[in-house]
């Protein structure tokens, strides 16, 4: 933000609102991440049963879901 949105950054900094703004962004990103991981896991049938029967497949699928979700969150909230 400091590099790409300098005017917004310095306005928030001088108004004393930078920390609350960043906390809000972080909270929104965390919520979107959690909801998206849960949704994609349900769609992909990544369940606790799969975890107990084939741990490596579960790990592969969850890593894939987390990576896709991170891209979504970055595009929609962080780098907006």
PDB file of N, CA and C in Angstrom:
ATOM      1  N   UNK A   1       0.831  -1.172   0.000  1.00  0.00           N
ATOM      2  CA  UNK A   1       0.000   0.000   0.000  1.00  0.00           C
ATOM      3  C   UNK A   1       0.884   1.247   0.000  1.00  0.00           C
ATOM      4  N   UNK A   2       1.932   1.192   0.776  1.00  0.00           N
ATOM      5  CA  UNK A   2       2.829   2.339   0.878  1.00  0.00           C
ATOM      6  C   UNK A   2       3.474   2.650  -0.476  1.00  0.00           C
ATOM      7  N   UNK A   3       3.712   1.616  -1.282  1.00  0.00           N
ATOM      8  CA  UNK A   3       4.345   1.807  -2.575  1.00  0.00           C
ATOM      9  C   UNK A   3       3.349   2.091  -3.689  1.00  0.00           C
ATOM     10  N   UNK A   4       2.206   1.424  -3.665  1.00  0.00           N
ATOM     11  CA  UNK A   4       1.278   1.502  -4.788  1.00  0.00           C
ATOM     12  C   UNK A   4       0.148   2.503  -4.609  1.00  0.00           C
ATOM     13  N   UNK A   5      -0.201   2.830  -3.394  1.00  0.00           N
ATOM     14  CA  UNK A   5      -1.298   3.768  -3.117  1.00  0.00           C
ATOM     15  C   UNK A   5      -0.810   4.803  -2.104  1.00  0.00           C
ATOM     16  N   UNK A   6       0.185   5.551  -2.494  1.00  0.00           N
ATOM     17  CA  UNK A   6       0.849   6.467  -1.566  1.00  0.00           C
ATOM     18  C   UNK A   6      -0.095   7.513  -0.992  1.00  0.00           C
ATOM     19  N   UNK A   7      -0.970   8.076  -1.814  1.00  0.00           N
ATOM     20  CA  UNK A   7      -1.869   9.134  -1.338  1.00  0.00           C
ATOM     21  C   UNK A   7      -2.812   8.593  -0.272  1.00  0.00           C
ATOM     22  N   UNK A   8      -3.409   7.447  -0.548  1.00  0.00           N
ATOM     23  CA  UNK A   8      -4.319   6.838   0.429  1.00  0.00           C
ATOM     24  C   UNK A   8      -3.550   6.488   1.702  1.00  0.00           C
ATOM     25  N   UNK A   9      -2.374   5.921   1.533  1.00  0.00           N
ATOM     26  CA  UNK A   9      -1.551   5.528   2.676  1.00  0.00           C
ATOM     27  C   UNK A   9      -1.268   6.731   3.574  1.00  0.00           C
ATOM     28  N   UNK A  10      -0.770   7.817   2.984  1.00  0.00           N
ATOM     29  CA  UNK A  10      -0.402   8.974   3.801  1.00  0.00           C
ATOM     30  C   UNK A  10      -1.629   9.687   4.378  1.00  0.00           C
ATOM     31  N   UNK A  11      -2.744   9.674   3.662  1.00  0.00           N
ATOM     32  CA  UNK A  11      -3.976  10.245   4.221  1.00  0.00           C
ATOM     33  C   UNK A  11      -4.427   9.466   5.455  1.00  0.00           C
ATOM     34  N   UNK A  12      -4.440   8.154   5.351  1.00  0.00           N
ATOM     35  CA  UNK A  12      -4.834   7.327   6.488  1.00  0.00           C
ATOM     36  C   UNK A  12      -3.845   7.478   7.649  1.00  0.00           C
ATOM     37  N   UNK A  13      -2.570   7.561   7.312  1.00  0.00           N
ATOM     38  CA  UNK A  13      -1.548   7.705   8.337  1.00  0.00           C
ATOM     39  C   UNK A  13      -1.700   9.025   9.093  1.00  0.00           C
ATOM     40  N   UNK A  14      -1.901  10.104   8.376  1.00  0.00           N
ATOM     41  CA  UNK A  14      -2.018  11.413   9.033  1.00  0.00           C
ATOM     42  C   UNK A  14      -3.326  11.559   9.801  1.00  0.00           C
ATOM     43  N   UNK A  15      -4.374  10.855   9.366  1.00  0.00           N
ATOM     44  CA  UNK A  15      -5.656  10.913  10.076  1.00  0.00           C
ATOM     45  C   UNK A  15      -5.700   9.944  11.254  1.00  0.00           C
ATOM     46  N   UNK A  16      -4.671   9.117  11.398  1.00  0.00           N
ATOM     47  CA  UNK A  16      -4.638   8.153  12.487  1.00  0.00           C
ATOM     48  C   UNK A  16      -5.544   6.959  12.260  1.00  0.00           C
ATOM     49  N   UNK A  17      -5.882   6.688  11.017  1.00  0.00           N
ATOM     50  CA  UNK A  17      -6.814   5.601  10.701  1.00  0.00           C
ATOM     51  C   UNK A  17      -6.143   4.418  10.012  1.00  0.00           C
ATOM     52  N   UNK A  18      -4.829   4.471   9.831  1.00  0.00           N
ATOM     53  CA  UNK A  18      -4.133   3.423   9.086  1.00  0.00           C
ATOM     54  C   UNK A  18      -4.257   2.063   9.758  1.00  0.00           C
ATOM     55  N   UNK A  19      -4.019   1.994  11.057  1.00  0.00           N
ATOM     56  CA  UNK A  19      -4.077   0.698  11.756  1.00  0.00           C
ATOM     57  C   UNK A  19      -5.461   0.067  11.701  1.00  0.00           C
ATOM     58  N   UNK A  20      -6.494   0.856  11.902  1.00  0.00           N
ATOM     59  CA  UNK A  20      -7.846   0.293  11.850  1.00  0.00           C
ATOM     60  C   UNK A  20      -8.208  -0.124  10.424  1.00  0.00           C
ATOM     61  N   UNK A  21      -7.759   0.633   9.440  1.00  0.00           N
ATOM     62  CA  UNK A  21      -8.004   0.282   8.037  1.00  0.00           C
ATOM     63  C   UNK A  21      -7.337  -1.050   7.702  1.00  0.00           C
ATOM     64  N   UNK A  22      -6.083  -1.195   8.092  1.00  0.00           N
ATOM     65  CA  UNK A  22      -5.354  -2.435   7.817  1.00  0.00           C
ATOM     66  C   UNK A  22      -5.935  -3.618   8.587  1.00  0.00           C
ATOM     67  N   UNK A  23      -6.384  -3.384   9.807  1.00  0.00           N
ATOM     68  CA  UNK A  23      -7.021  -4.447  10.593  1.00  0.00           C
ATOM     69  C   UNK A  23      -8.313  -4.901   9.925  1.00  0.00           C
ATOM     70  N   UNK A  24      -9.067  -3.955   9.381  1.00  0.00           N
ATOM     71  CA  UNK A  24     -10.302  -4.279   8.671  1.00  0.00           C
ATOM     72  C   UNK A  24     -10.008  -5.118   7.427  1.00  0.00           C
ATOM     73  N   UNK A  25      -8.994  -4.728   6.669  1.00  0.00           N
ATOM     74  CA  UNK A  25      -8.595  -5.491   5.478  1.00  0.00           C
ATOM     75  C   UNK A  25      -8.184  -6.907   5.871  1.00  0.00           C
ATOM     76  N   UNK A  26      -7.401  -7.013   6.929  1.00  0.00           N
ATOM     77  CA  UNK A  26      -6.952  -8.335   7.376  1.00  0.00           C
ATOM     78  C   UNK A  26      -8.125  -9.212   7.808  1.00  0.00           C
ATOM     79  N   UNK A  27      -9.065  -8.634   8.521  1.00  0.00           N
ATOM     80  CA  UNK A  27     -10.240  -9.392   8.975  1.00  0.00           C
ATOM     81  C   UNK A  27     -11.077  -9.863   7.787  1.00  0.00           C
ATOM     82  N   UNK A  28     -11.305  -8.968   6.834  1.00  0.00           N
ATOM     83  CA  UNK A  28     -12.069  -9.340   5.632  1.00  0.00           C
ATOM     84  C   UNK A  28     -11.358 -10.443   4.860  1.00  0.00           C
ATOM     85  N   UNK A  29     -10.037 -10.338   4.731  1.00  0.00           N
ATOM     86  CA  UNK A  29      -9.265 -11.345   4.008  1.00  0.00           C
ATOM     87  C   UNK A  29      -9.322 -12.689   4.720  1.00  0.00           C
ATOM     88  N   UNK A  30      -9.211 -12.669   6.037  1.00  0.00           N
ATOM     89  CA  UNK A  30      -9.257 -13.909   6.810  1.00  0.00           C
ATOM     90  C   UNK A  30     -10.621 -14.588   6.678  1.00  0.00           C
ATOM     91  N   UNK A  31     -11.688 -13.807   6.767  1.00  0.00           N
ATOM     92  CA  UNK A  31     -13.027 -14.376   6.631  1.00  0.00           C
ATOM     93  C   UNK A  31     -13.242 -14.971   5.243  1.00  0.00           C
ATOM     94  N   UNK A  32     -12.844 -14.226   4.202  1.00  0.00           N
ATOM     95  CA  UNK A  32     -12.993 -14.733   2.841  1.00  0.00           C
ATOM     96  C   UNK A  32     -12.165 -15.993   2.651  1.00  0.00           C
ATOM     97  N   UNK A  33     -10.948 -16.022   3.188  1.00  0.00           N
ATOM     98  CA  UNK A  33     -10.090 -17.194   3.066  1.00  0.00           C
ATOM     99  C   UNK A  33     -10.752 -18.411   3.706  1.00  0.00           C
ATOM    100  N   UNK A  34     -11.215 -18.256   4.942  1.00  0.00           N
ATOM    101  CA  UNK A  34     -11.836 -19.378   5.653  1.00  0.00           C
ATOM    102  C   UNK A  34     -13.081 -19.883   4.933  1.00  0.00           C
ATOM    103  N   UNK A  35     -13.938 -18.967   4.504  1.00  0.00           N
ATOM    104  CA  UNK A  35     -15.166 -19.361   3.814  1.00  0.00           C
ATOM    105  C   UNK A  35     -14.867 -20.044   2.484  1.00  0.00           C
ATOM    106  N   UNK A  36     -13.891 -19.538   1.756  1.00  0.00           N
ATOM    107  CA  UNK A  36     -13.557 -20.110   0.450  1.00  0.00           C
ATOM    108  C   UNK A  36     -12.928 -21.483   0.591  1.00  0.00           C
ATOM    109  N   UNK A  37     -12.031 -21.654   1.560  1.00  0.00           N
ATOM    110  CA  UNK A  37     -11.429 -22.972   1.781  1.00  0.00           C
ATOM    111  C   UNK A  37     -12.515 -23.978   2.130  1.00  0.00           C
ATOM    112  N   UNK A  38     -13.406 -23.598   3.007  1.00  0.00           N
ATOM    113  CA  UNK A  38     -14.486 -24.505   3.408  1.00  0.00           C
ATOM    114  C   UNK A  38     -15.369 -24.869   2.212  1.00  0.00           C
ATOM    115  N   UNK A  39     -15.722 -23.873   1.423  1.00  0.00           N
ATOM    116  CA  UNK A  39     -16.576 -24.103   0.265  1.00  0.00           C
ATOM    117  C   UNK A  39     -15.903 -24.994  -0.781  1.00  0.00           C
ATOM    118  N   UNK A  40     -14.650 -24.707  -1.097  1.00  0.00           N
ATOM    119  CA  UNK A  40     -13.944 -25.512  -2.088  1.00  0.00           C
ATOM    120  C   UNK A  40     -13.691 -26.928  -1.586  1.00  0.00           C
ATOM    121  N   UNK A  41     -13.462 -27.082  -0.300  1.00  0.00           N
ATOM    122  CA  UNK A  41     -13.267 -28.425   0.264  1.00  0.00           C
ATOM    123  C   UNK A  41     -14.561 -29.234   0.158  1.00  0.00           C
ATOM    124  N   UNK A  42     -15.681 -28.599   0.421  1.00  0.00           N
ATOM    125  CA  UNK A  42     -16.962 -29.295   0.294  1.00  0.00           C
ATOM    126  C   UNK A  42     -17.230 -29.680  -1.155  1.00  0.00           C
ATOM    127  N   UNK A  43     -16.968 -28.754  -2.073  1.00  0.00           N
ATOM    128  CA  UNK A  43     -17.188 -29.051  -3.501  1.00  0.00           C
ATOM    129  C   UNK A  43     -16.272 -30.155  -4.001  1.00  0.00           C
ATOM    130  N   UNK A  44     -15.049 -30.196  -3.469  1.00  0.00           N
ATOM    131  CA  UNK A  44     -14.081 -31.195  -3.908  1.00  0.00           C
ATOM    132  C   UNK A  44     -14.107 -32.482  -3.113  1.00  0.00           C
ATOM    133  N   UNK A  45     -15.082 -32.629  -2.239  1.00  0.00           N
ATOM    134  CA  UNK A  45     -15.226 -33.824  -1.398  1.00  0.00           C
ATOM    135  C   UNK A  45     -13.976 -34.107  -0.571  1.00  0.00           C
ATOM    136  N   UNK A  46     -13.376 -33.042  -0.061  1.00  0.00           N
ATOM    137  CA  UNK A  46     -12.211 -33.183   0.811  1.00  0.00           C
ATOM    138  C   UNK A  46     -12.748 -33.205   2.240  1.00  0.00           C
ATOM    139  N   UNK A  47     -12.885 -34.407   2.771  1.00  0.00           N
ATOM    140  CA  UNK A  47     -13.546 -34.600   4.058  1.00  0.00           C
ATOM    141  C   UNK A  47     -12.589 -35.200   5.086  1.00  0.00           C
ATOM    142  N   UNK A  48     -13.061 -35.268   6.313  1.00  0.00           N
ATOM    143  CA  UNK A  48     -12.296 -35.933   7.369  1.00  0.00           C
ATOM    144  C   UNK A  48     -12.163 -37.420   7.075  1.00  0.00           C
ATOM    145  N   UNK A  49     -13.140 -37.979   6.391  1.00  0.00           N
ATOM    146  CA  UNK A  49     -13.064 -39.397   6.021  1.00  0.00           C
ATOM    147  C   UNK A  49     -11.905 -39.622   5.052  1.00  0.00           C
ATOM    148  N   UNK A  50     -11.764 -38.733   4.069  1.00  0.00           N
ATOM    149  CA  UNK A  50     -10.641 -38.819   3.143  1.00  0.00           C
ATOM    150  C   UNK A  50      -9.322 -38.666   3.898  1.00  0.00           C
ATOM    151  N   UNK A  51      -9.300 -37.763   4.853  1.00  0.00           N
ATOM    152  CA  UNK A  51      -8.098 -37.538   5.655  1.00  0.00           C
ATOM    153  C   UNK A  51      -7.687 -38.805   6.395  1.00  0.00           C
ATOM    154  N   UNK A  52      -8.662 -39.547   6.902  1.00  0.00           N
ATOM    155  CA  UNK A  52      -8.334 -40.755   7.663  1.00  0.00           C
ATOM    156  C   UNK A  52      -7.988 -41.938   6.757  1.00  0.00           C
ATOM    157  N   UNK A  53      -8.495 -41.929   5.525  1.00  0.00           N
ATOM    158  CA  UNK A  53      -8.228 -43.065   4.642  1.00  0.00           C
ATOM    159  C   UNK A  53      -7.018 -42.847   3.734  1.00  0.00           C
ATOM    160  N   UNK A  54      -6.815 -41.627   3.256  1.00  0.00           N
ATOM    161  CA  UNK A  54      -5.695 -41.339   2.346  1.00  0.00           C
ATOM    162  C   UNK A  54      -5.123 -39.963   2.677  1.00  0.00           C
ATOM    163  N   UNK A  55      -4.249 -39.918   3.649  1.00  0.00           N
ATOM    164  CA  UNK A  55      -3.704 -38.661   4.166  1.00  0.00           C
ATOM    165  C   UNK A  55      -2.972 -37.865   3.086  1.00  0.00           C
ATOM    166  N   UNK A  56      -2.178 -38.527   2.256  1.00  0.00           N
ATOM    167  CA  UNK A  56      -1.405 -37.809   1.239  1.00  0.00           C
ATOM    168  C   UNK A  56      -2.310 -37.156   0.201  1.00  0.00           C
ATOM    169  N   UNK A  57      -3.350 -37.832  -0.213  1.00  0.00           N
ATOM    170  CA  UNK A  57      -4.299 -37.243  -1.158  1.00  0.00           C
ATOM    171  C   UNK A  57      -5.008 -36.053  -0.522  1.00  0.00           C
ATOM    172  N   UNK A  58      -5.376 -36.193   0.737  1.00  0.00           N
ATOM    173  CA  UNK A  58      -6.025 -35.088   1.452  1.00  0.00           C
ATOM    174  C   UNK A  58      -5.106 -33.878   1.521  1.00  0.00           C
ATOM    175  N   UNK A  59      -3.845 -34.101   1.841  1.00  0.00           N
ATOM    176  CA  UNK A  59      -2.870 -33.003   1.922  1.00  0.00           C
ATOM    177  C   UNK A  59      -2.701 -32.338   0.560  1.00  0.00           C
ATOM    178  N   UNK A  60      -2.597 -33.124  -0.491  1.00  0.00           N
ATOM    179  CA  UNK A  60      -2.471 -32.573  -1.841  1.00  0.00           C
ATOM    180  C   UNK A  60      -3.662 -31.688  -2.190  1.00  0.00           C
ATOM    181  N   UNK A  61      -4.844 -32.206  -1.931  1.00  0.00           N
ATOM    182  CA  UNK A  61      -6.058 -31.452  -2.266  1.00  0.00           C
ATOM    183  C   UNK A  61      -6.179 -30.182  -1.424  1.00  0.00           C
ATOM    184  N   UNK A  62      -5.868 -30.282  -0.139  1.00  0.00           N
ATOM    185  CA  UNK A  62      -5.963 -29.099   0.724  1.00  0.00           C
ATOM    186  C   UNK A  62      -4.923 -28.046   0.340  1.00  0.00           C
ATOM    187  N   UNK A  63      -3.717 -28.470  -0.016  1.00  0.00           N
ATOM    188  CA  UNK A  63      -2.709 -27.511  -0.472  1.00  0.00           C
ATOM    189  C   UNK A  63      -3.161 -26.814  -1.747  1.00  0.00           C
ATOM    190  N   UNK A  64      -3.756 -27.571  -2.649  1.00  0.00           N
ATOM    191  CA  UNK A  64      -4.277 -26.988  -3.881  1.00  0.00           C
ATOM    192  C   UNK A  64      -5.372 -25.974  -3.569  1.00  0.00           C
ATOM    193  N   UNK A  65      -6.283 -26.339  -2.692  1.00  0.00           N
ATOM    194  CA  UNK A  65      -7.378 -25.443  -2.309  1.00  0.00           C
ATOM    195  C   UNK A  65      -6.837 -24.187  -1.645  1.00  0.00           C
ATOM    196  N   UNK A  66      -5.893 -24.327  -0.753  1.00  0.00           N
ATOM    197  CA  UNK A  66      -5.322 -23.158  -0.066  1.00  0.00           C
ATOM    198  C   UNK A  66      -4.605 -22.230  -1.040  1.00  0.00           C
ATOM    199  N   UNK A  67      -3.873 -22.802  -1.992  1.00  0.00           N
ATOM    200  CA  UNK A  67      -3.188 -21.970  -2.979  1.00  0.00           C
ATOM    201  C   UNK A  67      -4.174 -21.218  -3.865  1.00  0.00           C
ATOM    202  N   UNK A  68      -5.217 -21.899  -4.307  1.00  0.00           N
ATOM    203  CA  UNK A  68      -6.241 -21.233  -5.125  1.00  0.00           C
ATOM    204  C   UNK A  68      -6.934 -20.144  -4.321  1.00  0.00           C
ATOM    205  N   UNK A  69      -7.232 -20.441  -3.069  1.00  0.00           N
ATOM    206  CA  UNK A  69      -7.908 -19.472  -2.212  1.00  0.00           C
ATOM    207  C   UNK A  69      -7.035 -18.255  -1.959  1.00  0.00           C
ATOM    208  N   UNK A  70      -5.752 -18.469  -1.763  1.00  0.00           N
ATOM    209  CA  UNK A  70      -4.833 -17.347  -1.549  1.00  0.00           C
ATOM    210  C   UNK A  70      -4.830 -16.411  -2.757  1.00  0.00           C
ATOM    211  N   UNK A  71      -4.855 -16.977  -3.961  1.00  0.00           N
ATOM    212  CA  UNK A  71      -4.931 -16.148  -5.169  1.00  0.00           C
ATOM    213  C   UNK A  71      -6.235 -15.358  -5.207  1.00  0.00           C
ATOM    214  N   UNK A  72      -7.323 -15.993  -4.848  1.00  0.00           N
ATOM    215  CA  UNK A  72      -8.626 -15.315  -4.839  1.00  0.00           C
ATOM    216  C   UNK A  72      -8.621 -14.160  -3.854  1.00  0.00           C
ATOM    217  N   UNK A  73      -8.163 -14.410  -2.644  1.00  0.00           N
ATOM    218  CA  UNK A  73      -8.138 -13.371  -1.605  1.00  0.00           C
ATOM    219  C   UNK A  73      -7.221 -12.220  -2.015  1.00  0.00           C
ATOM    220  N   UNK A  74      -6.056 -12.552  -2.539  1.00  0.00           N
ATOM    221  CA  UNK A  74      -5.138 -11.505  -2.972  1.00  0.00           C
ATOM    222  C   UNK A  74      -5.750 -10.629  -4.059  1.00  0.00           C
ATOM    223  N   UNK A  75      -6.419 -11.247  -5.012  1.00  0.00           N
ATOM    224  CA  UNK A  75      -7.021 -10.481  -6.112  1.00  0.00           C
ATOM    225  C   UNK A  75      -8.224  -9.665  -5.674  1.00  0.00           C
ATOM    226  N   UNK A  76      -9.033 -10.196  -4.778  1.00  0.00           N
ATOM    227  CA  UNK A  76     -10.270  -9.517  -4.403  1.00  0.00           C
ATOM    228  C   UNK A  76     -10.108  -8.511  -3.276  1.00  0.00           C
ATOM    229  N   UNK A  77      -9.143  -8.724  -2.386  1.00  0.00           N
ATOM    230  CA  UNK A  77      -9.049  -7.848  -1.212  1.00  0.00           C
ATOM    231  C   UNK A  77      -7.671  -7.197  -1.074  1.00  0.00           C
ATOM    232  N   UNK A  78      -6.620  -7.980  -1.082  1.00  0.00           N
ATOM    233  CA  UNK A  78      -5.300  -7.469  -0.750  1.00  0.00           C
ATOM    234  C   UNK A  78      -4.747  -6.540  -1.827  1.00  0.00           C
ATOM    235  N   UNK A  79      -4.743  -6.970  -3.078  1.00  0.00           N
ATOM    236  CA  UNK A  79      -4.130  -6.175  -4.140  1.00  0.00           C
ATOM    237  C   UNK A  79      -5.138  -5.362  -4.933  1.00  0.00           C
ATOM    238  N   UNK A  80      -6.263  -5.121  -4.371  1.00  0.00           N
ATOM    239  CA  UNK A  80      -7.341  -4.383  -5.036  1.00  0.00           C
ATOM    240  C   UNK A  80      -7.007  -2.931  -5.169  1.00  0.00           C
TER     241      UNK A  80
END
